[in-house]
Amino acid sequence: FGIPCFPVSLKRLLIVVVVIVLVVVVIVGALLMGL
């Protein structure tokens, strides 16, 4: 059960997830700094 090569859609999905996580971290950090 191995993946020979990453599909383009999976790479795109991974990039989207990383961007969302970074945005959430920045927002949470800004909220904590504001408190």
PDB file of N, CA and C in Angstrom:
ATOM      1  N   PHE A   1       0.865  -1.206   0.000  1.00  0.00           N
ATOM      2  CA  PHE A   1       0.000   0.000   0.000  1.00  0.00           C
ATOM      3  C   PHE A   1       0.886   1.235   0.000  1.00  0.00           C
ATOM      4  N   GLY A   2       1.639   1.421  -1.064  1.00  0.00           N
ATOM      5  CA  GLY A   2       2.518   2.589  -1.153  1.00  0.00           C
ATOM      6  C   GLY A   2       2.052   3.533  -2.246  1.00  0.00           C
ATOM      7  N   ILE A   3       2.389   4.794  -2.068  1.00  0.00           N
ATOM      8  CA  ILE A   3       2.019   5.793  -3.080  1.00  0.00           C
ATOM      9  C   ILE A   3       3.235   6.022  -3.977  1.00  0.00           C
ATOM     10  N   PRO A   4       3.172   5.606  -5.249  1.00  0.00           N
ATOM     11  CA  PRO A   4       4.313   5.752  -6.153  1.00  0.00           C
ATOM     12  C   PRO A   4       4.680   7.211  -6.391  1.00  0.00           C
ATOM     13  N   CYS A   5       3.674   8.061  -6.580  1.00  0.00           N
ATOM     14  CA  CYS A   5       3.948   9.480  -6.784  1.00  0.00           C
ATOM     15  C   CYS A   5       2.755  10.288  -6.306  1.00  0.00           C
ATOM     16  N   PHE A   6       3.029  11.473  -5.772  1.00  0.00           N
ATOM     17  CA  PHE A   6       1.955  12.312  -5.254  1.00  0.00           C
ATOM     18  C   PHE A   6       1.128  12.886  -6.398  1.00  0.00           C
ATOM     19  N   PRO A   7      -0.183  12.695  -6.358  1.00  0.00           N
ATOM     20  CA  PRO A   7      -1.051  13.354  -7.346  1.00  0.00           C
ATOM     21  C   PRO A   7      -1.006  14.871  -7.150  1.00  0.00           C
ATOM     22  N   VAL A   8      -1.266  15.601  -8.223  1.00  0.00           N
ATOM     23  CA  VAL A   8      -1.224  17.067  -8.149  1.00  0.00           C
ATOM     24  C   VAL A   8      -2.271  17.573  -7.164  1.00  0.00           C
ATOM     25  N   SER A   9      -3.451  16.928  -7.156  1.00  0.00           N
ATOM     26  CA  SER A   9      -4.537  17.381  -6.283  1.00  0.00           C
ATOM     27  C   SER A   9      -4.147  17.229  -4.821  1.00  0.00           C
ATOM     28  N   LEU A  10      -3.398  16.164  -4.508  1.00  0.00           N
ATOM     29  CA  LEU A  10      -2.994  15.936  -3.118  1.00  0.00           C
ATOM     30  C   LEU A  10      -1.988  16.992  -2.675  1.00  0.00           C
ATOM     31  N   LYS A  11      -1.063  17.339  -3.580  1.00  0.00           N
ATOM     32  CA  LYS A  11      -0.092  18.394  -3.259  1.00  0.00           C
ATOM     33  C   LYS A  11      -0.817  19.714  -3.026  1.00  0.00           C
ATOM     34  N   ARG A  12      -1.791  20.002  -3.899  1.00  0.00           N
ATOM     35  CA  ARG A  12      -2.544  21.248  -3.775  1.00  0.00           C
ATOM     36  C   ARG A  12      -3.293  21.276  -2.453  1.00  0.00           C
ATOM     37  N   LEU A  13      -3.891  20.127  -2.085  1.00  0.00           N
ATOM     38  CA  LEU A  13      -4.640  20.032  -0.830  1.00  0.00           C
ATOM     39  C   LEU A  13      -3.707  20.257   0.354  1.00  0.00           C
ATOM     40  N   LEU A  14      -2.506  19.686   0.278  1.00  0.00           N
ATOM     41  CA  LEU A  14      -1.529  19.845   1.359  1.00  0.00           C
ATOM     42  C   LEU A  14      -1.135  21.310   1.514  1.00  0.00           C
ATOM     43  N   ILE A  15      -0.929  22.002   0.390  1.00  0.00           N
ATOM     44  CA  ILE A  15      -0.561  23.421   0.427  1.00  0.00           C
ATOM     45  C   ILE A  15      -1.685  24.234   1.059  1.00  0.00           C
ATOM     46  N   VAL A  16      -2.935  23.924   0.682  1.00  0.00           N
ATOM     47  CA  VAL A  16      -4.090  24.642   1.238  1.00  0.00           C
ATOM     48  C   VAL A  16      -4.164  24.434   2.747  1.00  0.00           C
ATOM     49  N   VAL A  17      -3.946  23.192   3.193  1.00  0.00           N
ATOM     50  CA  VAL A  17      -3.994  22.897   4.632  1.00  0.00           C
ATOM     51  C   VAL A  17      -2.907  23.669   5.377  1.00  0.00           C
ATOM     52  N   VAL A  18      -1.698  23.710   4.808  1.00  0.00           N
ATOM     53  CA  VAL A  18      -0.595  24.437   5.446  1.00  0.00           C
ATOM     54  C   VAL A  18      -0.922  25.920   5.553  1.00  0.00           C
ATOM     55  N   VAL A  19      -1.471  26.494   4.486  1.00  0.00           N
ATOM     56  CA  VAL A  19      -1.823  27.920   4.490  1.00  0.00           C
ATOM     57  C   VAL A  19      -2.883  28.199   5.549  1.00  0.00           C
ATOM     58  N   ILE A  20      -3.901  27.337   5.641  1.00  0.00           N
ATOM     59  CA  ILE A  20      -4.966  27.522   6.632  1.00  0.00           C
ATOM     60  C   ILE A  20      -4.394  27.466   8.043  1.00  0.00           C
ATOM     61  N   VAL A  21      -3.507  26.499   8.290  1.00  0.00           N
ATOM     62  CA  VAL A  21      -2.897  26.378   9.620  1.00  0.00           C
ATOM     63  C   VAL A  21      -2.095  27.633   9.959  1.00  0.00           C
ATOM     64  N   LEU A  22      -1.336  28.152   8.993  1.00  0.00           N
ATOM     65  CA  LEU A  22      -0.541  29.356   9.237  1.00  0.00           C
ATOM     66  C   LEU A  22      -1.449  30.543   9.558  1.00  0.00           C
ATOM     67  N   VAL A  23      -2.543  30.677   8.820  1.00  0.00           N
ATOM     68  CA  VAL A  23      -3.479  31.782   9.060  1.00  0.00           C
ATOM     69  C   VAL A  23      -4.080  31.670  10.456  1.00  0.00           C
ATOM     70  N   VAL A  24      -4.476  30.452  10.842  1.00  0.00           N
ATOM     71  CA  VAL A  24      -5.062  30.246  12.173  1.00  0.00           C
ATOM     72  C   VAL A  24      -4.048  30.585  13.260  1.00  0.00           C
ATOM     73  N   VAL A  25      -2.795  30.166  13.068  1.00  0.00           N
ATOM     74  CA  VAL A  25      -1.749  30.459  14.056  1.00  0.00           C
ATOM     75  C   VAL A  25      -1.544  31.967  14.188  1.00  0.00           C
ATOM     76  N   VAL A  26      -1.529  32.667  13.058  1.00  0.00           N
ATOM     77  CA  VAL A  26      -1.341  34.124  13.090  1.00  0.00           C
ATOM     78  C   VAL A  26      -2.508  34.799  13.801  1.00  0.00           C
ATOM     79  N   ILE A  27      -3.743  34.369  13.517  1.00  0.00           N
ATOM     80  CA  ILE A  27      -4.930  34.962  14.142  1.00  0.00           C
ATOM     81  C   ILE A  27      -4.918  34.703  15.646  1.00  0.00           C
ATOM     82  N   VAL A  28      -4.642  33.455  16.036  1.00  0.00           N
ATOM     83  CA  VAL A  28      -4.605  33.113  17.466  1.00  0.00           C
ATOM     84  C   VAL A  28      -3.495  33.894  18.164  1.00  0.00           C
ATOM     85  N   GLY A  29      -2.349  34.010  17.514  1.00  0.00           N
ATOM     86  CA  GLY A  29      -1.248  34.773  18.091  1.00  0.00           C
ATOM     87  C   GLY A  29      -1.627  36.236  18.279  1.00  0.00           C
ATOM     88  N   ALA A  30      -2.302  36.816  17.307  1.00  0.00           N
ATOM     89  CA  ALA A  30      -2.725  38.214  17.401  1.00  0.00           C
ATOM     90  C   ALA A  30      -3.733  38.387  18.535  1.00  0.00           C
ATOM     91  N   LEU A  31      -4.641  37.419  18.681  1.00  0.00           N
ATOM     92  CA  LEU A  31      -5.639  37.500  19.753  1.00  0.00           C
ATOM     93  C   LEU A  31      -4.964  37.384  21.117  1.00  0.00           C
ATOM     94  N   LEU A  32      -3.995  36.488  21.237  1.00  0.00           N
ATOM     95  CA  LEU A  32      -3.297  36.320  22.518  1.00  0.00           C
ATOM     96  C   LEU A  32      -2.475  37.562  22.844  1.00  0.00           C
ATOM     97  N   MET A  33      -1.867  38.178  21.828  1.00  0.00           N
ATOM     98  CA  MET A  33      -1.087  39.391  22.059  1.00  0.00           C
ATOM     99  C   MET A  33      -2.011  40.527  22.474  1.00  0.00           C
ATOM    100  N   GLY A  34      -3.251  40.516  21.956  1.00  0.00           N
ATOM    101  CA  GLY A  34      -4.209  41.573  22.272  1.00  0.00           C
ATOM    102  C   GLY A  34      -4.750  41.449  23.690  1.00  0.00           C
ATOM    103  N   LEU A  35      -4.724  40.235  24.240  1.00  0.00           N
ATOM    104  CA  LEU A  35      -5.279  40.044  25.588  1.00  0.00           C
ATOM    105  C   LEU A  35      -4.324  40.523  26.670  1.00  0.00           C
TER     106      LEU A  35
END
